[in-house]
Protein backbone atom coordinates (compact mmCIF):
# COMPACT_ATOMS: atom_id res chain seq x y z
CA MET A 1 -80.40 65.22 -52.70
CA ALA A 2 -77.12 64.51 -54.12
CA GLU A 3 -75.66 67.09 -52.64
CA LYS A 4 -76.12 65.05 -49.16
CA ARG A 5 -74.86 62.12 -50.50
CA LEU A 6 -71.66 63.20 -51.53
CA VAL A 7 -71.29 65.16 -47.92
CA VAL A 8 -71.98 61.61 -47.13
CA LEU A 9 -69.16 59.76 -48.92
CA GLY A 10 -67.07 62.42 -47.89
CA CYS A 11 -67.23 61.88 -44.28
CA ALA A 12 -67.65 58.13 -44.70
CA LEU A 13 -63.76 58.52 -46.89
CA TYR A 14 -62.71 60.89 -44.19
CA LEU A 15 -62.62 58.09 -41.16
CA ALA A 16 -61.56 55.88 -42.74
CA LEU A 17 -58.70 57.59 -43.99
CA VAL A 18 -58.24 59.21 -39.97
CA ALA A 19 -58.99 55.37 -38.47
CA SER A 20 -55.95 54.13 -41.10
CA VAL A 21 -53.83 56.59 -39.84
CA ALA A 22 -54.31 56.00 -36.26
CA ALA A 23 -54.23 51.54 -36.94
CA PHE A 24 -50.60 52.57 -38.30
CA VAL A 25 -49.25 54.77 -35.76
CA TYR A 26 -51.17 52.09 -32.92
CA ARG A 27 -49.23 49.23 -35.26
CA TRP A 28 -45.66 51.55 -35.30
CA ASN A 29 -45.33 52.33 -31.46
CA LEU A 30 -46.77 48.77 -30.11
CA PRO A 31 -43.85 47.18 -27.98
CA ALA A 32 -42.17 44.34 -28.83
CA PRO A 33 -44.08 40.97 -28.16
CA ILE A 34 -42.66 39.23 -24.85
CA ARG A 35 -41.12 35.80 -25.65
CA ARG A 36 -41.41 33.13 -23.23
CA ASP A 37 -39.21 29.91 -23.65
CA ARG A 38 -40.64 26.42 -22.63
CA VAL A 39 -39.36 25.30 -19.09
CA VAL A 40 -38.45 21.94 -18.99
CA ARG A 41 -37.69 20.22 -15.38
CA LEU A 42 -34.52 17.78 -15.34
CA ALA A 43 -33.54 15.84 -12.80
CA SER A 44 -31.05 17.21 -11.07
CA PRO A 45 -26.88 15.60 -12.19
CA ALA A 46 -24.93 13.14 -9.54
CA LEU A 47 -22.20 15.02 -7.59
CA PRO A 48 -19.29 13.53 -8.48
CA SER A 49 -17.76 11.13 -6.06
CA PRO A 50 -14.53 13.09 -4.38
CA ARG A 51 -11.23 11.87 -5.48
CA LEU A 52 -9.13 10.76 -3.24
CA ASP A 53 -5.34 11.63 -2.27
CA GLU A 54 -2.95 8.98 -3.82
CA PRO A 55 -1.16 8.27 -0.87
CA ILE A 56 2.69 10.16 -0.86
CA PHE A 57 5.39 8.02 -0.37
CA GLY A 58 9.29 9.72 -0.75
CA ALA A 59 11.29 8.55 -3.40
CA PRO A 60 14.01 6.26 -2.62
CA LEU A 61 17.34 8.25 -3.19
CA TYR A 62 19.40 5.18 -4.51
CA ARG A 63 18.82 3.00 -7.81
CA PRO A 64 20.69 0.04 -8.58
CA LEU A 65 22.66 0.85 -11.89
CA GLU A 66 21.57 -2.39 -13.25
CA PRO A 67 18.11 -4.00 -13.07
CA PRO A 68 18.31 -7.16 -10.34
CA SER A 69 18.52 -10.38 -11.77
CA GLY A 70 17.96 -13.29 -10.35
CA MET A 71 15.04 -12.17 -8.96
CA ARG A 72 11.57 -11.52 -9.80
CA LEU A 73 8.17 -9.73 -8.46
CA SER A 74 4.79 -11.47 -8.38
CA VAL A 75 1.71 -10.41 -7.33
CA ILE A 76 -1.57 -12.61 -5.49
CA ARG A 77 -4.89 -11.71 -5.12
CA GLU A 78 -6.64 -13.22 -2.17
CA PRO A 79 -10.24 -12.43 -1.54
CA ASN A 80 -8.99 -10.23 1.95
CA PHE A 81 -5.64 -9.26 1.33
CA THR A 82 -3.03 -8.64 -1.81
CA ALA A 83 0.59 -10.21 -1.25
CA TYR A 84 3.36 -9.24 -3.10
CA ALA A 85 6.67 -11.87 -3.18
CA LEU A 86 9.85 -11.45 -4.23
CA TRP A 87 11.72 -14.54 -5.00
CA VAL A 88 15.44 -14.38 -4.97
CA ARG A 89 16.94 -17.65 -6.11
CA ASP A 90 20.53 -16.92 -4.68
CA PRO A 91 20.15 -16.94 -0.54
CA ARG A 92 23.40 -15.61 -0.07
CA ARG A 93 22.16 -12.44 -1.10
CA VAL A 94 20.03 -12.20 1.36
CA GLU A 95 21.10 -9.80 5.05
CA ILE A 96 19.72 -9.14 8.16
CA VAL A 97 21.12 -5.67 9.15
CA GLU A 98 20.06 -2.64 12.03
CA THR A 99 18.99 0.04 11.81
CA ARG A 100 22.60 2.89 12.39
CA TYR A 101 21.21 4.21 15.31
CA PRO A 102 20.65 1.79 18.11
CA GLY A 103 19.38 2.86 21.22
CA ASP A 104 18.14 6.25 19.44
CA VAL A 105 15.81 5.78 16.09
CA GLY A 106 15.27 3.59 13.54
CA GLU A 107 14.84 3.69 9.77
CA THR A 108 12.40 2.94 7.06
CA VAL A 109 13.49 -0.53 5.40
CA GLU A 110 14.15 2.67 2.28
CA GLN A 111 16.42 4.24 4.04
CA PHE A 112 17.92 0.73 4.92
CA VAL A 113 18.05 -0.35 0.75
CA ASN A 114 19.57 3.20 0.10
CA ASP A 115 22.36 2.58 3.57
CA TRP A 116 23.51 -0.37 2.43
CA HIS A 117 23.04 -0.13 -1.72
CA ALA A 118 20.30 -2.73 -2.02
CA VAL A 119 18.15 -3.89 -4.38
CA ALA A 120 15.80 -4.94 -2.05
CA GLY A 121 14.21 -5.19 1.68
CA VAL A 122 11.27 -5.62 4.10
CA ASN A 123 10.80 -4.81 7.27
CA GLY A 124 12.01 -7.04 9.70
CA GLY A 125 12.53 -8.05 13.84
CA SER A 126 10.85 -6.72 17.28
CA PHE A 127 11.94 -3.76 18.91
CA THR A 128 10.31 -1.08 21.21
CA ASP A 129 8.15 1.46 20.39
CA THR A 130 8.29 3.80 23.68
CA ASN A 131 4.95 5.67 23.85
CA TRP A 132 3.73 4.69 20.63
CA ARG A 133 6.03 7.06 19.43
CA GLY A 134 7.41 4.83 15.80
CA THR A 135 10.65 5.71 16.81
CA GLY A 136 11.70 2.19 16.10
CA GLY A 137 15.44 2.98 17.67
CA LEU A 138 15.45 0.07 20.67
CA VAL A 139 15.82 -3.36 19.18
CA GLN A 140 14.57 -6.43 21.29
CA GLY A 141 16.73 -9.77 20.94
CA ILE A 142 19.78 -11.60 19.40
CA VAL A 143 20.73 -9.70 15.98
CA ILE A 144 22.87 -11.06 13.99
CA SER A 145 24.50 -9.19 10.84
CA ASN A 146 26.92 -10.67 8.57
CA GLY A 147 28.58 -13.13 11.07
CA ARG A 148 28.51 -9.63 14.16
CA ILE A 149 26.00 -10.09 17.23
CA LEU A 150 25.26 -6.86 17.32
CA GLN A 151 22.42 -7.93 20.19
CA ARG A 152 22.72 -10.39 22.84
CA ALA A 153 20.27 -12.38 25.51
CA SER A 154 21.00 -14.73 27.89
CA GLY A 155 18.51 -17.36 26.86
CA PRO A 156 16.07 -18.69 24.47
CA GLU A 157 14.58 -15.95 21.66
CA SER A 158 12.38 -16.87 18.99
CA ILE A 159 14.85 -17.19 15.99
CA ILE A 160 14.28 -16.36 12.35
CA GLY A 161 17.48 -16.79 10.21
CA PHE A 162 19.99 -18.22 7.95
CA THR A 163 23.09 -20.28 8.45
CA ALA A 164 26.49 -20.11 6.32
CA ASP A 165 25.38 -21.73 3.09
CA GLY A 166 21.81 -19.68 2.98
CA ARG A 167 19.78 -21.87 4.34
CA LEU A 168 16.35 -20.41 6.70
CA ILE A 169 16.09 -21.55 10.07
CA SER A 170 13.12 -20.85 11.95
CA GLY A 171 12.62 -22.06 15.52
CA THR A 172 13.70 -20.85 20.18
CA TYR A 173 17.47 -21.06 20.09
CA THR A 174 20.20 -19.77 22.38
CA LEU A 175 22.91 -17.71 21.11
CA ALA A 176 25.25 -20.76 21.87
CA GLU A 177 22.47 -22.91 19.22
CA LEU A 178 22.84 -20.45 16.59
CA ARG A 179 27.03 -20.13 17.15
CA ALA A 180 27.37 -23.59 16.60
CA MET A 181 24.69 -23.92 13.76
CA GLY A 182 26.73 -21.11 11.74
CA VAL A 183 23.82 -18.28 11.91
CA THR A 184 25.42 -15.67 10.56
CA GLN A 185 22.27 -13.89 10.01
CA ALA A 186 20.14 -13.16 12.89
CA LEU A 187 17.02 -11.60 14.63
CA MET A 188 13.38 -12.32 16.99
CA PHE A 189 10.55 -12.47 15.59
CA GLY A 190 8.06 -15.50 14.87
CA PRO A 191 6.19 -17.64 14.65
CA THR A 192 7.09 -20.46 13.23
CA LEU A 193 4.71 -20.61 9.73
CA VAL A 194 5.68 -24.07 7.88
CA ASP A 195 8.84 -26.42 9.36
CA HIS A 196 9.46 -29.48 6.53
CA GLY A 197 6.49 -28.25 4.36
CA VAL A 198 4.03 -28.91 7.28
CA ASP A 199 1.73 -25.57 8.19
CA GLN A 200 2.62 -25.20 12.02
CA ILE A 201 -0.17 -22.84 12.69
CA GLN A 202 -3.83 -24.14 13.60
CA GLY A 203 -7.04 -22.73 11.57
CA ALA A 204 -6.11 -18.53 11.55
CA GLY A 205 -4.02 -18.37 14.24
CA ASP A 206 -4.13 -16.01 17.87
CA TRP A 207 -3.01 -13.45 15.78
CA GLY A 208 -5.88 -11.72 13.72
CA TYR A 209 -6.16 -10.57 10.77
CA ALA A 210 -3.40 -7.30 9.36
CA PRO A 211 -0.67 -6.38 6.86
CA ARG A 212 1.88 -8.94 6.90
CA THR A 213 5.73 -9.87 6.61
CA ALA A 214 6.96 -13.13 5.93
CA ILE A 215 10.07 -14.86 4.69
CA GLY A 216 9.92 -18.49 3.37
CA GLN A 217 12.47 -20.94 1.58
CA THR A 218 11.59 -23.23 -1.11
CA ALA A 219 13.61 -26.66 -1.74
CA ASN A 220 16.10 -25.40 -4.44
CA GLY A 221 17.20 -22.39 -2.02
CA THR A 222 14.96 -19.88 -2.83
CA VAL A 223 13.81 -17.05 -0.67
CA ILE A 224 10.24 -15.70 -0.82
CA LEU A 225 9.88 -12.45 1.13
CA MET A 226 6.36 -11.52 0.92
CA VAL A 227 4.71 -8.76 2.17
CA THR A 228 0.53 -8.52 2.96
CA ASP A 229 -1.39 -5.36 2.95
CA GLY A 230 -4.44 -4.91 5.12
CA ARG A 231 -6.67 -2.93 7.47
CA GLU A 232 -9.08 -2.07 4.42
CA LEU A 233 -6.90 0.43 3.20
CA THR A 234 -8.21 -0.14 -0.21
CA GLY A 235 -12.03 -0.72 0.72
CA PRO A 236 -13.60 -3.12 2.89
CA ALA A 237 -12.54 -6.29 1.19
CA ASP A 238 -9.20 -5.35 1.68
CA ILE A 239 -8.49 -6.63 6.04
CA GLY A 240 -5.65 -8.42 5.39
CA ALA A 241 -4.39 -11.98 6.48
CA SER A 242 -4.38 -14.24 9.53
CA LEU A 243 -0.90 -16.15 10.14
CA GLY A 244 -2.29 -18.98 8.65
CA ASP A 245 -3.57 -17.71 5.44
CA ILE A 246 0.25 -16.88 5.55
CA ALA A 247 1.29 -20.23 6.32
CA ARG A 248 -0.96 -22.15 3.49
CA LEU A 249 0.08 -19.36 0.76
CA MET A 250 3.99 -20.51 1.28
CA ILE A 251 3.10 -24.01 1.30
CA SER A 252 1.57 -23.20 -1.79
CA LEU A 253 4.10 -21.45 -3.35
CA GLY A 254 7.14 -24.53 -2.66
CA ALA A 255 8.09 -23.08 1.00
CA VAL A 256 9.37 -26.29 3.30
CA THR A 257 10.52 -23.45 5.91
CA ALA A 258 8.51 -20.39 6.62
CA ALA A 259 8.31 -17.90 9.23
CA ASN A 260 6.68 -14.71 10.47
CA LEU A 261 7.95 -11.46 10.85
CA ASP A 262 6.89 -8.19 12.12
CA GLY A 263 4.13 -6.85 10.47
CA GLY A 264 1.00 -3.87 10.60
CA SER A 265 2.20 -0.73 10.18
CA SER A 266 6.10 -1.89 9.98
CA ALA A 267 4.76 -4.01 6.68
CA THR A 268 7.18 -2.52 3.90
CA LEU A 269 8.00 -3.82 0.68
CA VAL A 270 11.10 -1.59 -1.81
CA TYR A 271 12.28 -3.94 -4.40
CA ASP A 272 14.13 -2.02 -7.53
CA GLY A 273 13.81 1.80 -5.69
CA HIS A 274 10.38 1.79 -5.54
CA LEU A 275 7.70 1.38 -2.77
CA ILE A 276 5.83 -1.86 -3.46
CA ASN A 277 2.76 -1.94 -0.73
CA GLN A 278 1.07 0.69 0.87
CA PRO A 279 2.07 1.03 4.70
CA THR A 280 -0.98 0.98 6.84
CA ASP A 281 1.26 3.99 9.14
CA ILE A 282 -0.85 7.18 9.40
CA LEU A 283 2.62 9.03 8.17
CA GLY A 284 3.62 5.93 5.55
CA GLU A 285 6.97 3.95 5.57
CA ARG A 286 7.88 3.26 9.87
CA TYR A 287 10.69 3.55 11.62
CA ILE A 288 11.76 -0.13 12.51
CA GLY A 289 15.31 -1.26 14.37
CA THR A 290 15.73 -4.07 12.37
CA ALA A 291 15.31 -5.09 8.02
CA VAL A 292 15.86 -8.31 5.66
CA LEU A 293 18.05 -7.39 2.86
CA VAL A 294 18.82 -8.28 -0.36
CA LYS A 295 22.27 -7.06 -1.87
């Protein structure tokens, strides 16, 4: 009986040993557990807004050696446009010039400024843009530059100009009348916006809203050259100015005389070697027939 018990105990110990060895071998060969990360669903990040290319305009080739004196630039922000007003204390510094290539091609305001070594300039008067090619070489109407008659006309025209003593004139005149008045700078455009301090435009005027260029003069002789933006170039609130807007703005700045120059895609202001506004022409600055410069 004792022998049987010893046999049973030996068998049990043997089986336990085999089971222990089998368990050890099994654990040794058991594959590593698969680790699973918790998936958290997040909203996709917003796509970045596209970057718009900045307008590229050529830098003037000429820049005055000294900073302009007797001049200052102010920026006026209106609900529907921004105006850039250049104040020129001495009106005798203002000159009207014509493209070097009349009948062929015009020049940009930057080129006018460079050619004449001026310190500032805006676009001037009327020209024929044949087939909308933007060449600007066919100047229209009377043009007088520093007392020299460059373009003539047989009848009265809407004239903007200066007399020899620096008085701004705006109205309908013949060449003979301009000579009798001692006008030394003149070009054709309009209409008159302010006369003797009185607004000459009814309401908004008849030309809608657009980029504008205008010229005015205060009672003490200071000339105001003004250019505005428009055509939603900088956003939907930037629609441009009406003639009435410019007339009232000129009066608020103290102008007793003011007149409208060519606007739209021609509207350009260059000052102290910088292009101040952003012309709305798809090619940048437009080629024009005449310019108003400050020497």
